[in-house]
Amino acid sequence: MKLKPILTVTTLALALLAISLIGCAGPVTAYNGTRLGDCPSSPNCVCSEMAPEKGAHVDPFTIPEGTAPASAFEALAGLVSEKASIETREPGYFHAVYKTRWLRFRDDFEARLDAEAGVIHVRSASRLGYSDLGMNARRVKNLRQRFAEALK
């Protein structure tokens, strides 16, 4: 077996993968000051402020009755900061960055407090690639469970 052809093919495959990932880069944040942005058409994002008929919709986090909205929002920020770096913090909004374990890809997580409705809207999206293999939906599901446990 000749090593040179194998190395050449491997190098070309990695180069094509890198080009396709860079070509599918999404925005870092989708917050416009009043709401979280919709997800792109690629299956690598979930958002609670998207229309329910869209495939990327997830339900917002419900603030339990009797819990102060600001306290619930701080609890969520604390849970997120255990595994992510909070990059932007404003009253009623934060943006955090998760890094994947193996390849250190960055995923963005945003949360927006809607105190009047008693919910926290969330958006979780991969920056690179077309599909996230369901990682962002699993992240939101896991956070939702931990959030509910933390506020019991």
Protein backbone atom coordinates (compact mmCIF):
# COMPACT_ATOMS: atom_id res chain seq x y z
CA MET A 1 0.00 0.00 0.00
CA LYS A 2 1.36 3.40 -0.94
CA LEU A 3 1.21 6.08 1.73
CA LYS A 4 1.34 9.12 -0.54
CA PRO A 5 -2.06 8.56 -2.27
CA ILE A 6 -3.74 7.92 1.10
CA LEU A 7 -2.31 11.14 2.54
CA THR A 8 -3.37 13.10 -0.53
CA VAL A 9 -6.94 11.83 -0.40
CA THR A 10 -7.13 12.44 3.35
CA THR A 11 -5.81 15.99 2.98
CA LEU A 12 -8.30 16.75 0.21
CA ALA A 13 -11.18 15.33 2.26
CA LEU A 14 -10.23 17.44 5.27
CA ALA A 15 -9.90 20.54 3.10
CA LEU A 16 -13.38 19.97 1.63
CA LEU A 17 -14.81 19.47 5.10
CA ALA A 18 -13.22 22.70 6.34
CA ILE A 19 -14.51 24.65 3.33
CA SER A 20 -18.04 23.30 3.79
CA LEU A 21 -18.02 24.15 7.50
CA ILE A 22 -16.74 27.66 6.93
CA GLY A 23 -19.28 28.15 4.15
CA CYS A 24 -22.11 27.34 6.56
CA ALA A 25 -21.07 29.70 9.34
CA GLY A 26 -23.99 31.29 11.12
CA PRO A 27 -24.21 34.56 13.02
CA VAL A 28 -22.81 34.69 16.52
CA THR A 29 -25.96 36.20 17.99
CA ALA A 30 -29.45 36.80 16.66
CA TYR A 31 -30.74 39.18 19.35
CA ASN A 32 -32.13 42.48 18.03
CA GLY A 33 -32.77 44.13 21.39
CA THR A 34 -36.37 42.96 21.73
CA ARG A 35 -36.45 39.31 20.61
CA LEU A 36 -34.21 36.42 19.69
CA GLY A 37 -33.75 35.83 16.00
CA ASP A 38 -35.16 32.95 14.00
CA CYS A 39 -33.04 29.96 13.13
CA PRO A 40 -31.68 29.48 9.63
CA SER A 41 -33.14 26.76 7.40
CA SER A 42 -30.30 24.39 8.34
CA PRO A 43 -31.03 21.89 11.15
CA ASN A 44 -28.44 23.22 13.62
CA CYS A 45 -30.49 25.60 15.77
CA VAL A 46 -33.52 25.74 18.06
CA CYS A 47 -35.37 28.84 19.24
CA SER A 48 -38.42 29.44 21.42
CA GLU A 49 -39.38 32.65 19.62
CA MET A 50 -39.89 30.93 16.28
CA ALA A 51 -43.35 30.01 15.10
CA PRO A 52 -44.42 26.61 16.50
CA GLU A 53 -45.01 25.18 13.04
CA LYS A 54 -41.32 25.63 12.25
CA GLY A 55 -39.16 22.57 12.91
CA ALA A 56 -36.66 24.51 15.01
CA HIS A 57 -39.21 25.68 17.61
CA VAL A 58 -38.80 24.77 21.27
CA ASP A 59 -40.97 25.94 24.13
CA PRO A 60 -39.66 28.75 26.32
CA PHE A 61 -38.68 27.99 29.92
CA THR A 62 -41.65 28.58 32.21
CA ILE A 63 -40.96 30.48 35.40
CA PRO A 64 -42.71 28.68 38.27
CA GLU A 65 -45.49 30.59 39.97
CA GLY A 66 -44.21 32.36 43.07
CA THR A 67 -40.67 32.66 41.69
CA ALA A 68 -39.38 36.14 40.91
CA PRO A 69 -38.60 36.38 37.18
CA ALA A 70 -35.20 37.99 37.85
CA SER A 71 -34.29 35.15 40.25
CA ALA A 72 -35.30 32.52 37.69
CA PHE A 73 -33.25 34.28 35.02
CA GLU A 74 -30.20 34.36 37.33
CA ALA A 75 -30.68 30.67 38.08
CA LEU A 76 -30.61 29.86 34.36
CA ALA A 77 -27.51 32.01 33.85
CA GLY A 78 -25.84 30.12 36.69
CA LEU A 79 -26.66 26.76 35.13
CA VAL A 80 -25.39 27.85 31.73
CA SER A 81 -22.16 29.29 33.17
CA GLU A 82 -21.26 25.87 34.60
CA LYS A 83 -20.43 24.62 31.08
CA ALA A 84 -20.24 27.76 28.96
CA SER A 85 -18.69 31.19 28.95
CA ILE A 86 -21.16 34.08 29.24
CA GLU A 87 -19.91 36.61 26.70
CA THR A 88 -22.62 39.30 26.85
CA ARG A 89 -24.77 40.25 29.80
CA GLU A 90 -27.55 42.84 29.75
CA PRO A 91 -30.63 43.27 31.93
CA GLY A 92 -32.95 40.44 30.87
CA TYR A 93 -30.58 38.99 28.27
CA PHE A 94 -27.37 36.99 28.05
CA HIS A 95 -25.32 35.33 25.33
CA ALA A 96 -23.08 32.37 26.18
CA VAL A 97 -20.66 30.25 24.15
CA TYR A 98 -20.35 26.49 24.52
CA LYS A 99 -17.35 24.67 23.04
CA THR A 100 -17.77 21.12 21.78
CA ARG A 101 -15.65 18.54 23.51
CA TRP A 102 -13.56 17.11 20.70
CA LEU A 103 -13.17 19.65 17.93
CA ARG A 104 -13.84 22.75 20.06
CA PHE A 105 -16.55 24.08 17.73
CA ARG A 106 -18.46 26.99 19.22
CA ASP A 107 -22.21 26.93 19.81
CA ASP A 108 -24.11 30.04 20.87
CA PHE A 109 -26.79 30.07 23.55
CA GLU A 110 -29.00 33.08 24.15
CA ALA A 111 -31.66 33.72 26.77
CA ARG A 112 -34.18 36.57 27.03
CA LEU A 113 -36.42 37.19 30.01
CA ASP A 114 -40.08 37.95 29.28
CA ALA A 115 -41.21 38.73 32.84
CA GLU A 116 -44.73 39.74 31.78
CA ALA A 117 -45.36 36.36 30.15
CA GLY A 118 -43.54 34.50 32.92
CA VAL A 119 -41.09 32.80 30.56
CA ILE A 120 -37.48 32.84 29.47
CA HIS A 121 -36.99 32.55 25.72
CA VAL A 122 -33.96 30.61 24.54
CA ARG A 123 -32.01 30.11 21.34
CA SER A 124 -29.20 27.59 20.87
CA ALA A 125 -27.32 27.43 17.58
CA SER A 126 -24.17 25.99 16.06
CA ARG A 127 -21.89 28.49 14.36
CA LEU A 128 -20.51 26.04 11.82
CA GLY A 129 -21.84 23.23 9.72
CA TYR A 130 -25.19 22.28 8.34
CA SER A 131 -26.39 19.82 10.97
CA ASP A 132 -25.65 19.58 14.69
CA LEU A 133 -27.05 16.03 14.98
CA GLY A 134 -29.58 17.32 17.52
CA MET A 135 -27.02 18.74 19.95
CA ASN A 136 -28.72 22.11 20.46
CA ALA A 137 -32.12 20.53 21.09
CA ARG A 138 -30.53 18.15 23.63
CA ARG A 139 -28.76 21.09 25.31
CA VAL A 140 -32.05 22.99 25.72
CA LYS A 141 -33.85 19.85 26.96
CA ASN A 142 -31.10 19.20 29.53
CA LEU A 143 -31.10 22.83 30.69
CA ARG A 144 -34.90 22.80 30.97
CA GLN A 145 -34.75 19.76 33.29
CA ARG A 146 -31.96 21.25 35.42
CA PHE A 147 -33.77 24.62 35.53
CA ALA A 148 -36.98 23.00 36.79
CA GLU A 149 -35.04 21.06 39.44
CA ALA A 150 -33.15 24.16 40.57
CA LEU A 151 -36.36 26.15 41.11
CA LYS A 152 -38.28 23.46 43.05
